[in-house]
Amino acid sequence: MTTFPHSERRLHAREFVLKEAIIATGAARVRCSVRNQHDHGAELRVDPQVQIPDRFTLIVPDDDATYLAVVRWRRNERLGVQVFSNSLKG
């Protein structure tokens, strides 16, 4: 059987991490974990029973940062998000 090397389609290298975070939308706050991230996005893990909107604020206390995020893909408990602004905290 012939195997082919895995082709990386990502534009940005991911850093594998395990951080707790909060998805904030309106008055609702949902706990999640960040599994990998880079300057332009991240993979989040969240309870698949929870409805997450396409746009939200992502709060990452370990980074002392708040990001604007847009969902780019969804797979079960995993969300791929694009981050449009690095830390918004002053």
PDB file of N, CA and C in Angstrom:
ATOM      1  N   MET A   1       0.850  -1.177   0.000  1.00  0.00           N
ATOM      2  CA  MET A   1       0.000   0.000   0.000  1.00  0.00           C
ATOM      3  C   MET A   1       0.895   1.240   0.000  1.00  0.00           C
ATOM      4  N   THR A   2       0.590   2.188  -0.853  1.00  0.00           N
ATOM      5  CA  THR A   2       1.356   3.427  -0.937  1.00  0.00           C
ATOM      6  C   THR A   2       0.757   4.458   0.002  1.00  0.00           C
ATOM      7  N   THR A   3       1.636   5.141   0.730  1.00  0.00           N
ATOM      8  CA  THR A   3       1.170   6.217   1.595  1.00  0.00           C
ATOM      9  C   THR A   3       1.772   7.517   1.104  1.00  0.00           C
ATOM     10  N   PHE A   4       1.051   8.571   1.292  1.00  0.00           N
ATOM     11  CA  PHE A   4       1.499   9.880   0.861  1.00  0.00           C
ATOM     12  C   PHE A   4       1.742  10.748   2.083  1.00  0.00           C
ATOM     13  N   PRO A   5       2.744  11.603   2.015  1.00  0.00           N
ATOM     14  CA  PRO A   5       3.000  12.467   3.175  1.00  0.00           C
ATOM     15  C   PRO A   5       1.823  13.404   3.422  1.00  0.00           C
ATOM     16  N   HIS A   6       1.596  13.697   4.685  1.00  0.00           N
ATOM     17  CA  HIS A   6       0.522  14.611   5.070  1.00  0.00           C
ATOM     18  C   HIS A   6       0.856  16.010   4.573  1.00  0.00           C
ATOM     19  N   SER A   7      -0.077  16.635   3.913  1.00  0.00           N
ATOM     20  CA  SER A   7       0.117  17.991   3.407  1.00  0.00           C
ATOM     21  C   SER A   7      -0.524  18.981   4.367  1.00  0.00           C
ATOM     22  N   GLU A   8       0.263  19.892   4.876  1.00  0.00           N
ATOM     23  CA  GLU A   8      -0.231  20.901   5.812  1.00  0.00           C
ATOM     24  C   GLU A   8      -0.902  22.021   5.037  1.00  0.00           C
ATOM     25  N   ARG A   9      -2.193  22.268   5.301  1.00  0.00           N
ATOM     26  CA  ARG A   9      -2.939  23.306   4.598  1.00  0.00           C
ATOM     27  C   ARG A   9      -3.051  24.585   5.403  1.00  0.00           C
ATOM     28  N   ARG A  10      -2.612  24.580   6.626  1.00  0.00           N
ATOM     29  CA  ARG A  10      -2.736  25.762   7.475  1.00  0.00           C
ATOM     30  C   ARG A  10      -1.761  26.845   7.036  1.00  0.00           C
ATOM     31  N   LEU A  11      -2.219  28.083   7.149  1.00  0.00           N
ATOM     32  CA  LEU A  11      -1.370  29.221   6.815  1.00  0.00           C
ATOM     33  C   LEU A  11      -0.458  29.614   7.963  1.00  0.00           C
ATOM     34  N   HIS A  12      -0.852  29.263   9.201  1.00  0.00           N
ATOM     35  CA  HIS A  12      -0.107  29.673  10.387  1.00  0.00           C
ATOM     36  C   HIS A  12       0.144  28.449  11.268  1.00  0.00           C
ATOM     37  N   ALA A  13       1.364  28.302  11.754  1.00  0.00           N
ATOM     38  CA  ALA A  13       1.692  27.198  12.651  1.00  0.00           C
ATOM     39  C   ALA A  13       0.945  27.368  13.967  1.00  0.00           C
ATOM     40  N   ARG A  14       0.437  26.257  14.494  1.00  0.00           N
ATOM     41  CA  ARG A  14      -0.305  26.277  15.754  1.00  0.00           C
ATOM     42  C   ARG A  14       0.632  25.959  16.906  1.00  0.00           C
ATOM     43  N   GLU A  15       0.370  26.579  18.034  1.00  0.00           N
ATOM     44  CA  GLU A  15       1.048  26.241  19.281  1.00  0.00           C
ATOM     45  C   GLU A  15       0.054  25.450  20.108  1.00  0.00           C
ATOM     46  N   PHE A  16       0.427  24.225  20.497  1.00  0.00           N
ATOM     47  CA  PHE A  16      -0.466  23.399  21.295  1.00  0.00           C
ATOM     48  C   PHE A  16      -0.441  23.889  22.731  1.00  0.00           C
ATOM     49  N   VAL A  17      -1.623  24.187  23.256  1.00  0.00           N
ATOM     50  CA  VAL A  17      -1.755  24.732  24.606  1.00  0.00           C
ATOM     51  C   VAL A  17      -2.947  24.068  25.284  1.00  0.00           C
ATOM     52  N   LEU A  18      -3.081  24.299  26.553  1.00  0.00           N
ATOM     53  CA  LEU A  18      -4.273  23.890  27.290  1.00  0.00           C
ATOM     54  C   LEU A  18      -4.556  25.007  28.283  1.00  0.00           C
ATOM     55  N   LYS A  19      -5.486  25.881  27.904  1.00  0.00           N
ATOM     56  CA  LYS A  19      -5.833  27.043  28.714  1.00  0.00           C
ATOM     57  C   LYS A  19      -7.341  27.085  28.900  1.00  0.00           C
ATOM     58  N   GLU A  20      -7.760  27.530  30.060  1.00  0.00           N
ATOM     59  CA  GLU A  20      -9.174  27.768  30.299  1.00  0.00           C
ATOM     60  C   GLU A  20      -9.534  29.136  29.729  1.00  0.00           C
ATOM     61  N   ALA A  21     -10.749  29.249  29.197  1.00  0.00           N
ATOM     62  CA  ALA A  21     -11.200  30.509  28.615  1.00  0.00           C
ATOM     63  C   ALA A  21     -12.701  30.647  28.815  1.00  0.00           C
ATOM     64  N   ILE A  22     -13.201  31.823  28.467  1.00  0.00           N
ATOM     65  CA  ILE A  22     -14.634  32.115  28.588  1.00  0.00           C
ATOM     66  C   ILE A  22     -15.115  32.708  27.272  1.00  0.00           C
ATOM     67  N   ILE A  23     -16.213  32.158  26.766  1.00  0.00           N
ATOM     68  CA  ILE A  23     -16.903  32.720  25.612  1.00  0.00           C
ATOM     69  C   ILE A  23     -17.980  33.635  26.171  1.00  0.00           C
ATOM     70  N   ALA A  24     -17.906  34.914  25.823  1.00  0.00           N
ATOM     71  CA  ALA A  24     -18.868  35.898  26.325  1.00  0.00           C
ATOM     72  C   ALA A  24     -19.675  36.443  25.162  1.00  0.00           C
ATOM     73  N   THR A  25     -20.999  36.399  25.328  1.00  0.00           N
ATOM     74  CA  THR A  25     -21.894  36.933  24.316  1.00  0.00           C
ATOM     75  C   THR A  25     -23.108  37.507  25.038  1.00  0.00           C
ATOM     76  N   GLY A  26     -23.304  38.800  24.922  1.00  0.00           N
ATOM     77  CA  GLY A  26     -24.395  39.427  25.662  1.00  0.00           C
ATOM     78  C   GLY A  26     -24.209  39.186  27.143  1.00  0.00           C
ATOM     79  N   ALA A  27     -25.238  38.689  27.814  1.00  0.00           N
ATOM     80  CA  ALA A  27     -25.154  38.413  29.245  1.00  0.00           C
ATOM     81  C   ALA A  27     -24.664  36.994  29.535  1.00  0.00           C
ATOM     82  N   ALA A  28     -24.549  36.163  28.506  1.00  0.00           N
ATOM     83  CA  ALA A  28     -24.158  34.763  28.699  1.00  0.00           C
ATOM     84  C   ALA A  28     -22.641  34.601  28.704  1.00  0.00           C
ATOM     85  N   ARG A  29     -22.180  33.678  29.564  1.00  0.00           N
ATOM     86  CA  ARG A  29     -20.757  33.328  29.622  1.00  0.00           C
ATOM     87  C   ARG A  29     -20.669  31.808  29.667  1.00  0.00           C
ATOM     88  N   VAL A  30     -19.824  31.251  28.791  1.00  0.00           N
ATOM     89  CA  VAL A  30     -19.664  29.808  28.680  1.00  0.00           C
ATOM     90  C   VAL A  30     -18.184  29.470  28.838  1.00  0.00           C
ATOM     91  N   ARG A  31     -17.900  28.523  29.731  1.00  0.00           N
ATOM     92  CA  ARG A  31     -16.519  28.085  29.910  1.00  0.00           C
ATOM     93  C   ARG A  31     -16.104  27.200  28.746  1.00  0.00           C
ATOM     94  N   CYS A  32     -14.830  27.319  28.352  1.00  0.00           N
ATOM     95  CA  CYS A  32     -14.292  26.477  27.295  1.00  0.00           C
ATOM     96  C   CYS A  32     -12.798  26.313  27.543  1.00  0.00           C
ATOM     97  N   SER A  33     -12.148  25.502  26.713  1.00  0.00           N
ATOM     98  CA  SER A  33     -10.696  25.381  26.795  1.00  0.00           C
ATOM     99  C   SER A  33     -10.097  25.682  25.426  1.00  0.00           C
ATOM    100  N   VAL A  34      -8.931  26.285  25.451  1.00  0.00           N
ATOM    101  CA  VAL A  34      -8.173  26.570  24.228  1.00  0.00           C
ATOM    102  C   VAL A  34      -7.198  25.412  24.069  1.00  0.00           C
ATOM    103  N   ARG A  35      -7.223  24.738  22.914  1.00  0.00           N
ATOM    104  CA  ARG A  35      -6.379  23.568  22.687  1.00  0.00           C
ATOM    105  C   ARG A  35      -5.161  23.893  21.832  1.00  0.00           C
ATOM    106  N   ASN A  36      -5.284  24.797  20.916  1.00  0.00           N
ATOM    107  CA  ASN A  36      -4.122  25.284  20.184  1.00  0.00           C
ATOM    108  C   ASN A  36      -4.427  26.687  19.717  1.00  0.00           C
ATOM    109  N   GLN A  37      -3.385  27.464  19.476  1.00  0.00           N
ATOM    110  CA  GLN A  37      -3.624  28.835  19.068  1.00  0.00           C
ATOM    111  C   GLN A  37      -2.434  29.376  18.295  1.00  0.00           C
ATOM    112  N   HIS A  38      -2.700  30.452  17.582  1.00  0.00           N
ATOM    113  CA  HIS A  38      -1.673  31.210  16.878  1.00  0.00           C
ATOM    114  C   HIS A  38      -2.138  32.658  16.868  1.00  0.00           C
ATOM    115  N   ASP A  39      -1.401  33.528  16.221  1.00  0.00           N
ATOM    116  CA  ASP A  39      -1.734  34.958  16.248  1.00  0.00           C
ATOM    117  C   ASP A  39      -3.087  35.287  15.628  1.00  0.00           C
ATOM    118  N   HIS A  40      -3.606  34.408  14.764  1.00  0.00           N
ATOM    119  CA  HIS A  40      -4.835  34.721  14.033  1.00  0.00           C
ATOM    120  C   HIS A  40      -6.024  33.838  14.386  1.00  0.00           C
ATOM    121  N   GLY A  41      -5.853  32.894  15.317  1.00  0.00           N
ATOM    122  CA  GLY A  41      -6.973  32.034  15.636  1.00  0.00           C
ATOM    123  C   GLY A  41      -6.651  30.995  16.685  1.00  0.00           C
ATOM    124  N   ALA A  42      -7.630  30.111  16.929  1.00  0.00           N
ATOM    125  CA  ALA A  42      -7.475  29.079  17.952  1.00  0.00           C
ATOM    126  C   ALA A  42      -8.497  27.971  17.732  1.00  0.00           C
ATOM    127  N   GLU A  43      -8.219  26.829  18.355  1.00  0.00           N
ATOM    128  CA  GLU A  43      -9.197  25.749  18.426  1.00  0.00           C
ATOM    129  C   GLU A  43      -9.712  25.715  19.857  1.00  0.00           C
ATOM    130  N   LEU A  44     -11.023  25.752  19.999  1.00  0.00           N
ATOM    131  CA  LEU A  44     -11.657  25.740  21.309  1.00  0.00           C
ATOM    132  C   LEU A  44     -12.412  24.435  21.500  1.00  0.00           C
ATOM    133  N   ARG A  45     -12.519  24.000  22.743  1.00  0.00           N
ATOM    134  CA  ARG A  45     -13.365  22.860  23.104  1.00  0.00           C
ATOM    135  C   ARG A  45     -14.454  23.382  24.026  1.00  0.00           C
ATOM    136  N   VAL A  46     -15.696  23.056  23.662  1.00  0.00           N
ATOM    137  CA  VAL A  46     -16.844  23.530  24.433  1.00  0.00           C
ATOM    138  C   VAL A  46     -17.912  22.437  24.418  1.00  0.00           C
ATOM    139  N   ASP A  47     -18.742  22.392  25.434  1.00  0.00           N
ATOM    140  CA  ASP A  47     -19.819  21.411  25.509  1.00  0.00           C
ATOM    141  C   ASP A  47     -20.661  21.484  24.232  1.00  0.00           C
ATOM    142  N   PRO A  48     -20.789  20.372  23.494  1.00  0.00           N
ATOM    143  CA  PRO A  48     -21.532  20.410  22.228  1.00  0.00           C
ATOM    144  C   PRO A  48     -23.023  20.701  22.388  1.00  0.00           C
ATOM    145  N   GLN A  49     -23.549  20.594  23.607  1.00  0.00           N
ATOM    146  CA  GLN A  49     -24.962  20.886  23.859  1.00  0.00           C
ATOM    147  C   GLN A  49     -25.228  22.389  23.940  1.00  0.00           C
ATOM    148  N   VAL A  50     -24.166  23.187  24.081  1.00  0.00           N
ATOM    149  CA  VAL A  50     -24.310  24.631  24.248  1.00  0.00           C
ATOM    150  C   VAL A  50     -24.305  25.306  22.882  1.00  0.00           C
ATOM    151  N   GLN A  51     -25.258  26.188  22.651  1.00  0.00           N
ATOM    152  CA  GLN A  51     -25.343  26.953  21.408  1.00  0.00           C
ATOM    153  C   GLN A  51     -24.348  28.111  21.477  1.00  0.00           C
ATOM    154  N   ILE A  52     -23.373  28.116  20.583  1.00  0.00           N
ATOM    155  CA  ILE A  52     -22.379  29.185  20.526  1.00  0.00           C
ATOM    156  C   ILE A  52     -22.645  29.991  19.257  1.00  0.00           C
ATOM    157  N   PRO A  53     -22.774  31.312  19.376  1.00  0.00           N
ATOM    158  CA  PRO A  53     -23.022  32.130  18.182  1.00  0.00           C
ATOM    159  C   PRO A  53     -21.778  32.191  17.285  1.00  0.00           C
ATOM    160  N   ASP A  54     -21.962  32.686  16.075  1.00  0.00           N
ATOM    161  CA  ASP A  54     -20.860  32.778  15.123  1.00  0.00           C
ATOM    162  C   ASP A  54     -19.835  33.838  15.499  1.00  0.00           C
ATOM    163  N   ARG A  55     -20.237  34.842  16.288  1.00  0.00           N
ATOM    164  CA  ARG A  55     -19.326  35.910  16.730  1.00  0.00           C
ATOM    165  C   ARG A  55     -19.464  36.080  18.233  1.00  0.00           C
ATOM    166  N   PHE A  56     -18.324  36.236  18.904  1.00  0.00           N
ATOM    167  CA  PHE A  56     -18.343  36.401  20.354  1.00  0.00           C
ATOM    168  C   PHE A  56     -17.023  36.989  20.830  1.00  0.00           C
ATOM    169  N   THR A  57     -16.972  37.294  22.118  1.00  0.00           N
ATOM    170  CA  THR A  57     -15.750  37.747  22.768  1.00  0.00           C
ATOM    171  C   THR A  57     -15.138  36.552  23.481  1.00  0.00           C
ATOM    172  N   LEU A  58     -13.841  36.335  23.279  1.00  0.00           N
ATOM    173  CA  LEU A  58     -13.121  35.239  23.921  1.00  0.00           C
ATOM    174  C   LEU A  58     -12.189  35.827  24.970  1.00  0.00           C
ATOM    175  N   ILE A  59     -12.388  35.430  26.216  1.00  0.00           N
ATOM    176  CA  ILE A  59     -11.574  35.917  27.330  1.00  0.00           C
ATOM    177  C   ILE A  59     -10.632  34.794  27.748  1.00  0.00           C
ATOM    178  N   VAL A  60      -9.323  35.072  27.718  1.00  0.00           N
ATOM    179  CA  VAL A  60      -8.308  34.081  28.085  1.00  0.00           C
ATOM    180  C   VAL A  60      -7.515  34.634  29.273  1.00  0.00           C
ATOM    181  N   PRO A  61      -7.915  34.288  30.504  1.00  0.00           N
ATOM    182  CA  PRO A  61      -7.250  34.834  31.686  1.00  0.00           C
ATOM    183  C   PRO A  61      -5.747  34.549  31.749  1.00  0.00           C
ATOM    184  N   ASP A  62      -5.306  33.353  31.318  1.00  0.00           N
ATOM    185  CA  ASP A  62      -3.872  33.026  31.356  1.00  0.00           C
ATOM    186  C   ASP A  62      -3.033  33.980  30.516  1.00  0.00           C
ATOM    187  N   ASP A  63      -3.641  34.534  29.454  1.00  0.00           N
ATOM    188  CA  ASP A  63      -2.940  35.491  28.595  1.00  0.00           C
ATOM    189  C   ASP A  63      -3.231  36.928  29.013  1.00  0.00           C
ATOM    190  N   ASP A  64      -4.097  37.093  30.012  1.00  0.00           N
ATOM    191  CA  ASP A  64      -4.584  38.425  30.398  1.00  0.00           C
ATOM    192  C   ASP A  64      -5.065  39.163  29.148  1.00  0.00           C
ATOM    193  N   ALA A  65      -5.881  38.462  28.334  1.00  0.00           N
ATOM    194  CA  ALA A  65      -6.292  39.001  27.046  1.00  0.00           C
ATOM    195  C   ALA A  65      -7.760  38.741  26.760  1.00  0.00           C
ATOM    196  N   THR A  66      -8.338  39.627  25.972  1.00  0.00           N
ATOM    197  CA  THR A  66      -9.701  39.501  25.473  1.00  0.00           C
ATOM    198  C   THR A  66      -9.645  39.685  23.964  1.00  0.00           C
ATOM    199  N   TYR A  67     -10.294  38.780  23.224  1.00  0.00           N
ATOM    200  CA  TYR A  67     -10.237  38.787  21.767  1.00  0.00           C
ATOM    201  C   TYR A  67     -11.636  38.826  21.168  1.00  0.00           C
ATOM    202  N   LEU A  68     -11.789  39.428  20.009  1.00  0.00           N
ATOM    203  CA  LEU A  68     -13.000  39.298  19.206  1.00  0.00           C
ATOM    204  C   LEU A  68     -12.795  38.062  18.345  1.00  0.00           C
ATOM    205  N   ALA A  69     -13.777  37.143  18.329  1.00  0.00           N
ATOM    206  CA  ALA A  69     -13.619  35.878  17.620  1.00  0.00           C
ATOM    207  C   ALA A  69     -14.796  35.612  16.694  1.00  0.00           C
ATOM    208  N   VAL A  70     -14.510  34.946  15.571  1.00  0.00           N
ATOM    209  CA  VAL A  70     -15.526  34.521  14.608  1.00  0.00           C
ATOM    210  C   VAL A  70     -15.309  33.034  14.344  1.00  0.00           C
ATOM    211  N   VAL A  71     -16.380  32.245  14.462  1.00  0.00           N
ATOM    212  CA  VAL A  71     -16.292  30.803  14.219  1.00  0.00           C
ATOM    213  C   VAL A  71     -16.083  30.560  12.735  1.00  0.00           C
ATOM    214  N   ARG A  72     -15.066  29.766  12.396  1.00  0.00           N
ATOM    215  CA  ARG A  72     -14.777  29.391  11.010  1.00  0.00           C
ATOM    216  C   ARG A  72     -15.157  27.958  10.708  1.00  0.00           C
ATOM    217  N   TRP A  73     -15.186  27.089  11.749  1.00  0.00           N
ATOM    218  CA  TRP A  73     -15.635  25.714  11.564  1.00  0.00           C
ATOM    219  C   TRP A  73     -16.095  25.143  12.905  1.00  0.00           C
ATOM    220  N   ARG A  74     -16.934  24.096  12.815  1.00  0.00           N
ATOM    221  CA  ARG A  74     -17.475  23.412  13.998  1.00  0.00           C
ATOM    222  C   ARG A  74     -17.430  21.909  13.749  1.00  0.00           C
ATOM    223  N   ARG A  75     -16.929  21.169  14.725  1.00  0.00           N
ATOM    224  CA  ARG A  75     -16.929  19.707  14.671  1.00  0.00           C
ATOM    225  C   ARG A  75     -17.155  19.180  16.090  1.00  0.00           C
ATOM    226  N   ASN A  76     -18.362  18.701  16.341  1.00  0.00           N
ATOM    227  CA  ASN A  76     -18.737  18.195  17.666  1.00  0.00           C
ATOM    228  C   ASN A  76     -18.415  19.228  18.734  1.00  0.00           C
ATOM    229  N   GLU A  77     -17.511  18.906  19.673  1.00  0.00           N
ATOM    230  CA  GLU A  77     -17.191  19.843  20.754  1.00  0.00           C
ATOM    231  C   GLU A  77     -16.082  20.823  20.378  1.00  0.00           C
ATOM    232  N   ARG A  78     -15.587  20.773  19.153  1.00  0.00           N
ATOM    233  CA  ARG A  78     -14.479  21.623  18.730  1.00  0.00           C
ATOM    234  C   ARG A  78     -14.969  22.792  17.867  1.00  0.00           C
ATOM    235  N   LEU A  79     -14.379  23.960  18.106  1.00  0.00           N
ATOM    236  CA  LEU A  79     -14.664  25.156  17.306  1.00  0.00           C
ATOM    237  C   LEU A  79     -13.342  25.729  16.824  1.00  0.00           C
ATOM    238  N   GLY A  80     -13.261  26.044  15.560  1.00  0.00           N
ATOM    239  CA  GLY A  80     -12.112  26.780  15.043  1.00  0.00           C
ATOM    240  C   GLY A  80     -12.520  28.233  14.916  1.00  0.00           C
ATOM    241  N   VAL A  81     -11.761  29.118  15.551  1.00  0.00           N
ATOM    242  CA  VAL A  81     -12.117  30.528  15.515  1.00  0.00           C
ATOM    243  C   VAL A  81     -10.982  31.354  14.934  1.00  0.00           C
ATOM    244  N   GLN A  82     -11.365  32.401  14.244  1.00  0.00           N
ATOM    245  CA  GLN A  82     -10.422  33.397  13.780  1.00  0.00           C
ATOM    246  C   GLN A  82     -10.504  34.569  14.741  1.00  0.00           C
ATOM    247  N   VAL A  83      -9.356  35.110  15.104  1.00  0.00           N
ATOM    248  CA  VAL A  83      -9.299  36.219  16.040  1.00  0.00           C
ATOM    249  C   VAL A  83      -8.927  37.473  15.256  1.00  0.00           C
ATOM    250  N   PHE A  84      -9.752  38.507  15.376  1.00  0.00           N
ATOM    251  CA  PHE A  84      -9.531  39.706  14.593  1.00  0.00           C
ATOM    252  C   PHE A  84      -8.755  40.795  15.300  1.00  0.00           C
ATOM    253  N   SER A  85      -8.611  40.677  16.599  1.00  0.00           N
ATOM    254  CA  SER A  85      -7.877  41.709  17.319  1.00  0.00           C
ATOM    255  C   SER A  85      -7.196  41.056  18.504  1.00  0.00           C
ATOM    256  N   ASN A  86      -5.904  41.300  18.662  1.00  0.00           N
ATOM    257  CA  ASN A  86      -5.242  40.802  19.864  1.00  0.00           C
ATOM    258  C   ASN A  86      -5.796  41.555  21.045  1.00  0.00           C
ATOM    259  N   SER A  87      -5.212  41.427  22.155  1.00  0.00           N
ATOM    260  CA  SER A  87      -5.802  41.891  23.399  1.00  0.00           C
ATOM    261  C   SER A  87      -6.486  43.239  23.278  1.00  0.00           C
ATOM    262  N   LEU A  88      -7.724  43.283  23.737  1.00  0.00           N
ATOM    263  CA  LEU A  88      -8.500  44.511  23.724  1.00  0.00           C
ATOM    264  C   LEU A  88      -8.424  45.225  25.069  1.00  0.00           C
ATOM    265  N   LYS A  89      -7.791  44.595  26.042  1.00  0.00           N
ATOM    266  CA  LYS A  89      -7.694  45.220  27.358  1.00  0.00           C
ATOM    267  C   LYS A  89      -6.753  46.407  27.298  1.00  0.00           C
ATOM    268  N   GLY A  90      -7.078  47.425  28.090  1.00  0.00           N
ATOM    269  CA  GLY A  90      -6.257  48.627  28.098  1.00  0.00           C
ATOM    270  C   GLY A  90      -5.162  48.610  29.096  1.00  0.00           C
TER     271      GLY A  90
END
